[in-house]
Amino acid sequence: MQHATLQLINELGLRVVKQPWFAEESGMDGEANFSSGSSVPLSEAENRELTAVCERLEGWAASVRNPQSWTACRDAVDWDGQSVQQYLDLNVASTAVRRELELLVRTTTASEPSDMSFLYFLYFLGICGGVAGVGDGDGGAQTYKICGGAQQLSTRLAAELAARGVPVRLNSAVARITRKPDGAVWVDTRAGAQLEAACLVAALSPPLWRSIEWSPPLSAAKQAIADRMYMGSVVKVIALYDTNFWEPFRPRGLLEQLGPVSNLFPSSVGGAPALIGLVVGTDARAFAALPEAERRRRVLAQYAAYFGDGAAERGCVRFMSKDWTGEAYSRGGYAALMPPGLATSAGAAFRQPEGTVVFAGTELARRWAGYFEGAVESGYRAAYDAAELLRLRQGTGVEATRAAGGSMMGREGGQACAARSKL
């Protein structure tokens, strides 16, 4: 459960609703339901193999939750030297079980299993609640939605800061970050503004580190992380209808074999019944190149084949798609990932500060990396780290409530630390 995010939602006066699921999925009685709309019931023998594989993965995942431990783990080099796909191909006998696990990887990370380090996937499972935590269904990461949209987290936090007299600068893309010999940090924006800070928190995805000029340059390990981590690829599609034509839920065929969408959710938008689909990995990159009309045609044709009902095409009253790979300040989703070979060569530097620059972002979280919870947790941790750096520079005490593992638990404390800097 993502407790820090739920607490923040409550503090900001927002509400959540439970994510609905297709009816038969919610009653699969322990059978695989990793990927909404695409998981299928397994045989007894297949479920036994799936359970055994998941127990093995989660046991290993518990040993690699801390990047500092990766070089000390006996099997880390071997795990980091292969992709998730290579591991599954060599160690999972059943085609159906292998499909479920491949879907789990693709729908939870928006990456092809062949692109991701097996060690990094174990790390992801270890800090995100295991297989059940990241999979779809009640009790997992997708249990709740924010009424009115998740963007309200950012806008309400910004409004709260502004009300306290803390400036929030928008449309101020950073071009250069300079660390001075005295520890001060200068930030130059692309618009020509220059700001000075006693300590800086750089909260952006590691692949975006290389979009900034750093002086002095980032350490070799940090630069390797910036150069080699890659974003998942995802396009979100929303189809609105007059009726829930998909009820009762009786799919025909395997979802991902009928078209571009690999993960499908029943929902509602503005009170209208809706199907929300995710196109991920290699499929997303090809799908993103299509014009909107062709995206609509392919997705609705897939739904018509999957549900065996022409209402999927003729009953669609509105269609929207969002290509996250085309966003300049994300370049993909849901988060940055490590390819084989990076974790054991540079991973120990993952969360390390560079002088008086502290790094944050969901990828750098100690828990739930890649999710809202990870973003919130890394923000608390960065606030604490920044406060410690300021204390060392200024020789003064810092009043803060420290969570287990060294993160700050109260937003009040986090904002106080941020306010002590000029930036």
Protein backbone atom coordinates (compact mmCIF):
# COMPACT_ATOMS: atom_id res chain seq x y z
CA MET A 1 0.00 0.00 0.00
CA GLN A 2 1.27 3.48 -0.88
CA HIS A 3 0.75 5.12 2.51
CA ALA A 4 2.69 8.37 1.98
CA THR A 5 0.73 9.18 -1.18
CA LEU A 6 -2.60 8.44 0.48
CA GLN A 7 -1.58 10.68 3.38
CA LEU A 8 -0.63 13.47 0.96
CA ILE A 9 -3.93 13.09 -0.89
CA ASN A 10 -5.77 13.45 2.39
CA GLU A 11 -3.73 16.49 3.47
CA LEU A 12 -4.47 18.21 0.16
CA GLY A 13 -8.21 17.63 0.53
CA LEU A 14 -8.46 15.23 -2.41
CA ARG A 15 -10.48 12.02 -2.65
CA VAL A 16 -9.82 8.60 -4.10
CA VAL A 17 -12.08 5.99 -5.67
CA LYS A 18 -11.31 2.33 -6.21
CA GLN A 19 -10.21 1.24 -9.65
CA PRO A 20 -12.90 -1.03 -11.12
CA TRP A 21 -11.91 -4.31 -12.74
CA PHE A 22 -13.56 -6.53 -15.30
CA ALA A 23 -16.01 -8.69 -13.34
CA GLU A 24 -14.45 -12.09 -13.99
CA GLU A 25 -10.99 -10.76 -13.16
CA SER A 26 -12.03 -9.69 -9.67
CA GLY A 27 -13.14 -13.24 -8.89
CA MET A 28 -10.24 -15.30 -10.22
CA ASP A 29 -9.64 -16.77 -6.73
CA GLY A 30 -5.88 -16.52 -6.65
CA GLU A 31 -5.27 -17.31 -10.29
CA ALA A 32 -2.98 -15.02 -12.27
CA ASN A 33 -4.35 -11.54 -12.81
CA PHE A 34 -1.15 -9.62 -13.27
CA SER A 35 -2.31 -7.56 -16.25
CA SER A 36 -5.89 -6.26 -16.41
CA GLY A 37 -7.68 -7.26 -19.59
CA SER A 38 -4.95 -9.60 -20.77
CA SER A 39 -4.29 -12.16 -18.02
CA VAL A 40 -6.10 -15.46 -18.49
CA PRO A 41 -6.90 -18.32 -16.10
CA LEU A 42 -4.17 -20.96 -15.88
CA SER A 43 -4.35 -24.70 -15.37
CA GLU A 44 -3.54 -26.19 -11.98
CA ALA A 45 -0.08 -27.23 -13.15
CA GLU A 46 0.58 -23.80 -14.66
CA ASN A 47 -0.49 -22.07 -11.45
CA ARG A 48 1.91 -24.26 -9.48
CA GLU A 49 4.79 -23.28 -11.75
CA LEU A 50 3.80 -19.61 -11.64
CA THR A 51 3.66 -19.67 -7.83
CA ALA A 52 7.06 -21.33 -7.62
CA VAL A 53 8.66 -18.85 -10.02
CA CYS A 54 7.16 -15.86 -8.20
CA GLU A 55 8.30 -17.14 -4.81
CA ARG A 56 11.82 -17.57 -6.17
CA LEU A 57 11.83 -14.07 -7.71
CA GLU A 58 10.55 -12.46 -4.53
CA GLY A 59 13.10 -14.29 -2.39
CA TRP A 60 15.92 -12.97 -4.54
CA ALA A 61 14.32 -9.52 -4.75
CA ALA A 62 14.44 -9.16 -0.95
CA SER A 63 18.26 -9.41 -1.10
CA VAL A 64 18.83 -6.56 -3.58
CA ARG A 65 16.61 -3.73 -2.32
CA ASN A 66 19.61 -1.49 -1.60
CA PRO A 67 21.77 -0.46 -4.58
CA GLN A 68 24.75 -0.24 -2.22
CA SER A 69 24.48 -4.02 -1.78
CA TRP A 70 24.52 -4.92 -5.47
CA THR A 71 28.29 -5.34 -5.74
CA ALA A 72 28.36 -7.48 -2.57
CA CYS A 73 25.57 -9.86 -3.63
CA ARG A 74 27.01 -13.19 -4.76
CA ASP A 75 24.69 -13.54 -7.75
CA ALA A 76 24.35 -9.86 -8.68
CA VAL A 77 26.85 -9.88 -11.54
CA ASP A 78 25.21 -12.93 -13.09
CA TRP A 79 21.71 -11.45 -12.70
CA ASP A 80 22.86 -8.11 -14.11
CA GLY A 81 24.55 -9.79 -17.03
CA GLN A 82 21.26 -11.09 -18.45
CA SER A 83 17.97 -9.56 -19.46
CA VAL A 84 14.64 -10.48 -17.93
CA GLN A 85 13.74 -12.23 -21.18
CA GLN A 86 16.87 -14.37 -21.09
CA TYR A 87 16.06 -15.47 -17.56
CA LEU A 88 12.44 -16.32 -18.41
CA ASP A 89 13.41 -18.22 -21.56
CA LEU A 90 15.89 -20.39 -19.64
CA ASN A 91 13.92 -20.96 -16.45
CA VAL A 92 10.18 -20.98 -17.17
CA ALA A 93 8.92 -24.15 -18.85
CA SER A 94 5.27 -23.29 -19.53
CA THR A 95 4.47 -21.00 -22.44
CA ALA A 96 1.37 -19.71 -20.63
CA VAL A 97 3.31 -18.91 -17.45
CA ARG A 98 6.05 -17.23 -19.44
CA ARG A 99 3.41 -15.11 -21.21
CA GLU A 100 1.96 -13.98 -17.87
CA LEU A 101 5.38 -12.95 -16.61
CA GLU A 102 6.29 -11.19 -19.85
CA LEU A 103 3.02 -9.29 -19.67
CA LEU A 104 3.75 -8.39 -16.05
CA VAL A 105 7.09 -6.87 -17.05
CA ARG A 106 5.71 -5.04 -20.07
CA THR A 107 2.61 -3.62 -18.39
CA THR A 108 4.29 -2.58 -15.12
CA THR A 109 7.45 -1.04 -16.62
CA ALA A 110 6.45 -0.24 -20.25
CA SER A 111 9.64 -2.00 -21.32
CA GLU A 112 10.38 -5.10 -23.29
CA PRO A 113 11.76 -7.86 -21.04
CA SER A 114 14.69 -8.17 -23.46
CA ASP A 115 15.80 -4.59 -22.71
CA MET A 116 15.89 -4.69 -18.89
CA SER A 117 18.49 -6.06 -16.52
CA PHE A 118 17.19 -9.05 -14.59
CA LEU A 119 18.90 -7.66 -11.47
CA TYR A 120 17.12 -4.34 -11.89
CA PHE A 121 13.77 -6.10 -12.27
CA LEU A 122 14.42 -7.98 -9.02
CA TYR A 123 15.23 -4.64 -7.36
CA PHE A 124 11.98 -3.19 -8.74
CA LEU A 125 9.99 -6.09 -7.28
CA GLY A 126 11.82 -5.87 -3.98
CA ILE A 127 10.99 -2.22 -3.29
CA CYS A 128 7.48 -2.26 -4.79
CA GLY A 129 5.70 -4.93 -2.81
CA GLY A 130 6.56 -7.96 -4.92
CA VAL A 131 4.59 -9.47 -7.76
CA ALA A 132 1.19 -8.89 -6.14
CA GLY A 133 2.15 -5.32 -5.32
CA VAL A 134 2.93 -4.27 -8.88
CA GLY A 135 0.28 -6.43 -10.57
CA ASP A 136 -3.28 -5.31 -11.25
CA GLY A 137 -6.17 -6.10 -8.93
CA ASP A 138 -7.32 -5.00 -5.49
CA GLY A 139 -4.49 -4.57 -3.00
CA GLY A 140 -1.90 -3.73 -5.66
CA ALA A 141 -0.43 -0.49 -6.92
CA GLN A 142 -3.48 0.31 -9.07
CA THR A 143 -6.13 -0.07 -6.35
CA TYR A 144 -7.10 3.61 -6.19
CA LYS A 145 -7.55 6.58 -8.52
CA ILE A 146 -7.62 10.27 -7.57
CA CYS A 147 -10.98 11.91 -8.21
CA GLY A 148 -10.47 14.70 -10.72
CA GLY A 149 -7.04 13.52 -11.87
CA ALA A 150 -3.54 13.10 -10.44
CA GLN A 151 -2.32 16.48 -11.71
CA GLN A 152 -4.06 17.99 -8.68
CA LEU A 153 -1.22 16.72 -6.49
CA SER A 154 1.17 19.10 -8.25
CA THR A 155 -1.18 22.05 -8.62
CA ARG A 156 -2.33 21.97 -5.00
CA LEU A 157 1.20 21.63 -3.67
CA ALA A 158 2.26 24.58 -5.82
CA ALA A 159 -0.68 26.65 -4.59
CA GLU A 160 0.17 25.82 -0.99
CA LEU A 161 3.78 26.88 -1.48
CA ALA A 162 2.71 30.13 -3.14
CA ALA A 163 0.36 30.85 -0.23
CA ARG A 164 3.34 30.55 2.12
CA GLY A 165 5.42 32.96 0.07
CA VAL A 166 7.63 30.31 -1.54
CA PRO A 167 8.05 31.21 -5.23
CA VAL A 168 7.23 28.56 -7.82
CA ARG A 169 8.79 29.30 -11.20
CA LEU A 170 7.10 27.74 -14.22
CA ASN A 171 8.41 27.60 -17.80
CA SER A 172 11.97 27.90 -16.50
CA ALA A 173 13.84 25.00 -18.09
CA VAL A 174 17.34 24.54 -16.65
CA ALA A 175 20.26 24.77 -19.06
CA ARG A 176 23.29 24.68 -16.75
CA ILE A 177 24.09 23.79 -13.13
CA THR A 178 27.38 25.07 -11.71
CA ARG A 179 28.82 23.99 -8.36
CA LYS A 180 31.13 26.68 -6.99
CA PRO A 181 34.22 25.95 -4.86
CA ASP A 182 32.49 27.42 -1.80
CA GLY A 183 29.61 24.94 -2.16
CA ALA A 184 27.11 27.37 -3.65
CA VAL A 185 25.11 26.22 -6.67
CA TRP A 186 24.27 28.46 -9.63
CA VAL A 187 21.43 27.56 -11.95
CA ASP A 188 21.12 29.08 -15.42
CA THR A 189 17.79 28.74 -17.23
CA ARG A 190 17.29 28.62 -20.97
CA ALA A 191 15.47 31.94 -20.70
CA GLY A 192 18.63 33.61 -19.40
CA ALA A 193 17.80 33.84 -15.68
CA GLN A 194 20.44 32.93 -13.10
CA LEU A 195 19.60 31.70 -9.59
CA GLU A 196 21.84 30.92 -6.65
CA ALA A 197 21.26 28.29 -3.98
CA ALA A 198 23.08 27.00 -0.93
CA CYS A 199 21.86 23.52 -1.87
CA LEU A 200 19.97 22.23 -4.90
CA VAL A 201 17.57 19.30 -5.28
CA ALA A 202 17.54 18.01 -8.85
CA ALA A 203 14.25 16.11 -9.13
CA LEU A 204 14.18 14.69 -12.63
CA SER A 205 14.54 11.33 -14.30
CA PRO A 206 18.16 10.15 -14.74
CA PRO A 207 18.04 10.17 -18.58
CA LEU A 208 17.20 13.88 -18.34
CA TRP A 209 20.37 14.60 -16.36
CA ARG A 210 22.21 14.67 -19.66
CA SER A 211 19.94 17.45 -20.98
CA ILE A 212 21.67 19.80 -18.52
CA GLU A 213 25.24 21.10 -18.74
CA TRP A 214 27.01 20.32 -15.45
CA SER A 215 30.05 22.18 -14.18
CA PRO A 216 32.06 20.41 -12.95
CA PRO A 217 30.84 17.39 -14.91
CA LEU A 218 28.90 14.64 -13.17
CA SER A 219 30.99 11.83 -11.74
CA ALA A 220 31.75 8.98 -14.12
CA ALA A 221 29.23 6.69 -12.40
CA LYS A 222 26.47 9.30 -12.42
CA GLN A 223 27.17 10.05 -16.08
CA ALA A 224 26.98 6.35 -16.93
CA ILE A 225 23.58 6.19 -15.23
CA ALA A 226 22.41 9.24 -17.19
CA ASP A 227 23.70 7.82 -20.48
CA ARG A 228 22.45 4.25 -20.15
CA MET A 229 19.21 4.32 -18.18
CA TYR A 230 16.26 4.39 -20.57
CA MET A 231 12.63 5.35 -20.29
CA GLY A 232 9.85 2.87 -20.83
CA SER A 233 7.66 3.56 -23.85
CA VAL A 234 3.90 4.02 -23.39
CA VAL A 235 0.91 5.51 -25.18
CA LYS A 236 -2.34 5.77 -23.22
CA VAL A 237 -5.63 5.47 -25.12
CA ILE A 238 -9.11 6.32 -23.83
CA ALA A 239 -12.34 5.31 -25.59
CA LEU A 240 -15.63 6.71 -24.28
CA TYR A 241 -18.99 4.99 -24.78
CA ASP A 242 -22.68 5.44 -24.02
CA THR A 243 -22.94 1.99 -22.41
CA ASN A 244 -20.72 -0.65 -20.77
CA PHE A 245 -21.03 -2.95 -23.77
CA TRP A 246 -18.20 -5.14 -22.37
CA GLU A 247 -20.39 -6.43 -19.53
CA PRO A 248 -20.59 -9.33 -18.93
CA PHE A 249 -16.88 -9.76 -19.56
CA ARG A 250 -16.33 -12.60 -22.03
CA PRO A 251 -13.13 -11.89 -23.97
CA ARG A 252 -12.24 -13.75 -27.14
CA GLY A 253 -8.58 -14.43 -27.70
CA LEU A 254 -5.43 -12.95 -26.20
CA LEU A 255 -5.58 -9.18 -26.01
CA GLU A 256 -2.03 -8.35 -27.10
CA GLN A 257 -2.30 -10.64 -30.14
CA LEU A 258 -5.32 -8.75 -31.50
CA GLY A 259 -3.85 -5.24 -31.64
CA PRO A 260 -1.57 -2.70 -29.98
CA VAL A 261 -3.10 -2.54 -26.46
CA SER A 262 -1.57 -4.87 -23.85
CA ASN A 263 -3.29 -3.64 -20.67
CA LEU A 264 -6.97 -2.70 -20.52
CA PHE A 265 -9.08 -1.21 -17.73
CA PRO A 266 -12.81 -0.47 -17.40
CA SER A 267 -13.35 3.06 -16.14
CA SER A 268 -15.45 6.18 -16.50
CA VAL A 269 -14.57 9.69 -17.67
CA GLY A 270 -16.91 12.51 -16.81
CA GLY A 271 -19.56 9.94 -15.97
CA ALA A 272 -19.28 8.19 -19.35
CA PRO A 273 -18.28 4.50 -19.48
CA ALA A 274 -14.74 4.17 -20.79
CA LEU A 275 -12.05 1.70 -21.72
CA ILE A 276 -8.53 2.81 -20.88
CA GLY A 277 -5.75 0.98 -22.68
CA LEU A 278 -1.98 1.04 -22.51
CA VAL A 279 0.25 0.44 -25.51
CA VAL A 280 3.74 -0.35 -24.24
CA GLY A 281 7.30 -1.17 -25.24
CA THR A 282 8.13 -1.73 -28.90
CA ASP A 283 4.44 -1.55 -29.81
CA ALA A 284 4.23 1.94 -28.29
CA ARG A 285 7.08 3.28 -30.39
CA ALA A 286 5.43 2.06 -33.59
CA PHE A 287 1.97 3.18 -32.46
CA ALA A 288 3.22 6.68 -31.56
CA ALA A 289 4.25 7.24 -35.19
CA LEU A 290 0.65 6.81 -36.40
CA PRO A 291 -1.80 9.68 -36.95
CA GLU A 292 -4.65 9.91 -34.45
CA ALA A 293 -7.27 8.57 -36.85
CA GLU A 294 -5.23 5.42 -37.48
CA ARG A 295 -4.59 4.96 -33.75
CA ARG A 296 -8.35 5.07 -33.20
CA ARG A 297 -9.06 2.62 -36.01
CA ARG A 298 -6.56 0.03 -34.78
CA VAL A 299 -7.54 0.21 -31.11
CA LEU A 300 -11.29 0.02 -31.74
CA ALA A 301 -10.82 -2.86 -34.18
CA GLN A 302 -8.82 -4.65 -31.48
CA TYR A 303 -11.58 -4.10 -28.92
CA ALA A 304 -14.24 -5.34 -31.38
CA ALA A 305 -12.26 -8.54 -31.92
CA TYR A 306 -11.47 -8.98 -28.23
CA PHE A 307 -15.03 -8.54 -26.98
CA GLY A 308 -16.66 -10.00 -30.09
CA ASP A 309 -18.93 -6.98 -30.30
CA GLY A 310 -19.11 -4.35 -33.04
CA ALA A 311 -20.28 -1.85 -30.41
CA ALA A 312 -16.61 -1.30 -29.64
CA GLU A 313 -16.31 0.51 -32.97
CA ARG A 314 -19.74 1.93 -33.71
CA GLY A 315 -20.50 2.91 -30.09
CA CYS A 316 -17.35 4.91 -29.40
CA VAL A 317 -18.37 8.56 -28.87
CA ARG A 318 -14.88 9.91 -28.27
CA PHE A 319 -11.31 8.65 -28.58
CA MET A 320 -8.16 10.20 -27.11
CA SER A 321 -4.52 9.13 -27.00
CA LYS A 322 -1.46 10.44 -25.18
CA ASP A 323 2.04 9.64 -26.37
CA TRP A 324 4.34 9.92 -23.36
CA THR A 325 7.41 9.23 -25.49
CA GLY A 326 6.84 12.60 -27.16
CA GLU A 327 6.93 14.59 -23.92
CA ALA A 328 10.14 16.65 -23.74
CA TYR A 329 10.40 16.46 -19.96
CA SER A 330 9.63 12.79 -19.52
CA ARG A 331 10.50 11.15 -22.88
CA GLY A 332 8.48 8.10 -21.94
CA GLY A 333 7.04 6.35 -18.94
CA TYR A 334 6.47 5.17 -16.42
CA ALA A 335 10.03 5.63 -15.18
CA ALA A 336 13.66 5.11 -16.14
CA LEU A 337 15.07 1.57 -16.11
CA MET A 338 18.48 -0.08 -16.23
CA PRO A 339 19.72 -2.29 -19.08
CA PRO A 340 21.97 -5.29 -18.39
CA GLY A 341 25.40 -4.44 -17.02
CA LEU A 342 24.68 -1.01 -15.53
CA ALA A 343 23.51 -1.84 -12.01
CA THR A 344 26.69 -3.58 -10.86
CA SER A 345 29.03 -1.15 -12.63
CA ALA A 346 27.50 2.17 -11.55
CA GLY A 347 24.40 1.48 -9.44
CA ALA A 348 26.04 2.28 -6.10
CA ALA A 349 26.11 5.97 -7.16
CA PHE A 350 22.38 5.93 -7.95
CA ARG A 351 21.19 8.12 -5.06
CA GLN A 352 24.48 9.73 -4.07
CA PRO A 353 24.67 13.56 -3.98
CA GLU A 354 27.28 15.45 -5.98
CA GLY A 355 28.63 18.10 -3.67
CA THR A 356 25.68 20.25 -2.64
CA VAL A 357 23.41 18.86 -5.37
CA VAL A 358 20.94 16.26 -4.10
CA PHE A 359 19.14 14.01 -6.59
CA ALA A 360 15.48 13.04 -6.30
CA GLY A 361 12.71 11.56 -8.40
CA THR A 362 10.66 8.40 -8.31
CA GLU A 363 13.49 6.28 -9.77
CA LEU A 364 15.67 7.12 -6.76
CA ALA A 365 13.12 6.12 -4.13
CA ARG A 366 13.79 3.51 -1.47
CA ARG A 367 10.23 2.25 -1.89
CA TRP A 368 7.85 2.11 -4.85
CA ALA A 369 10.24 3.46 -7.49
CA GLY A 370 8.30 4.34 -10.62
CA TYR A 371 5.09 5.22 -8.74
CA PHE A 372 3.68 8.34 -7.05
CA GLU A 373 4.73 6.81 -3.75
CA GLY A 374 8.33 6.72 -4.93
CA ALA A 375 8.21 10.36 -5.97
CA VAL A 376 6.86 11.39 -2.55
CA GLU A 377 9.32 9.18 -0.64
CA SER A 378 12.33 10.43 -2.60
CA GLY A 379 11.19 14.01 -2.00
CA TYR A 380 11.18 13.46 1.76
CA ARG A 381 14.59 11.77 1.56
CA ALA A 382 16.04 14.60 -0.56
CA ALA A 383 14.65 17.21 1.85
CA TYR A 384 16.41 15.49 4.72
CA ASP A 385 19.67 15.17 2.76
CA ALA A 386 19.50 18.84 1.75
CA ALA A 387 18.88 19.85 5.37
CA GLU A 388 21.91 17.84 6.47
CA LEU A 389 24.09 19.52 3.84
CA LEU A 390 22.87 22.94 4.93
CA ARG A 391 23.55 22.07 8.55
CA LEU A 392 27.11 21.06 7.72
CA ARG A 393 27.68 24.22 5.69
CA GLN A 394 26.10 26.60 8.17
CA GLY A 395 26.99 24.84 11.41
CA THR A 396 23.41 25.11 12.66
CA GLY A 397 20.86 22.56 13.81
CA VAL A 398 18.02 21.48 11.62
CA GLU A 399 14.70 20.59 13.16
CA ALA A 400 13.29 17.67 11.23
CA THR A 401 11.39 14.49 11.83
CA ARG A 402 13.38 11.63 10.38
CA ALA A 403 11.73 8.47 9.15
CA ALA A 404 13.27 5.06 9.32
CA GLY A 405 15.92 4.92 6.61
CA GLY A 406 16.60 8.65 6.74
CA SER A 407 13.69 10.41 5.07
CA MET A 408 11.63 13.28 6.33
CA MET A 409 8.05 12.33 7.12
CA GLY A 410 6.23 15.64 7.43
CA ARG A 411 5.54 17.95 4.49
CA GLU A 412 5.96 20.85 6.92
CA GLY A 413 9.56 19.82 7.51
CA GLY A 414 10.22 19.26 3.83
CA GLN A 415 8.93 22.70 2.91
CA ALA A 416 10.92 24.33 5.71
CA CYS A 417 14.11 22.79 4.34
CA ALA A 418 13.31 23.88 0.82
CA ALA A 419 12.59 27.40 2.00
CA ARG A 420 16.07 27.71 3.53
CA SER A 421 17.59 27.67 0.09
CA LYS A 422 17.49 30.64 -2.26
CA LEU A 423 16.16 28.33 -4.98
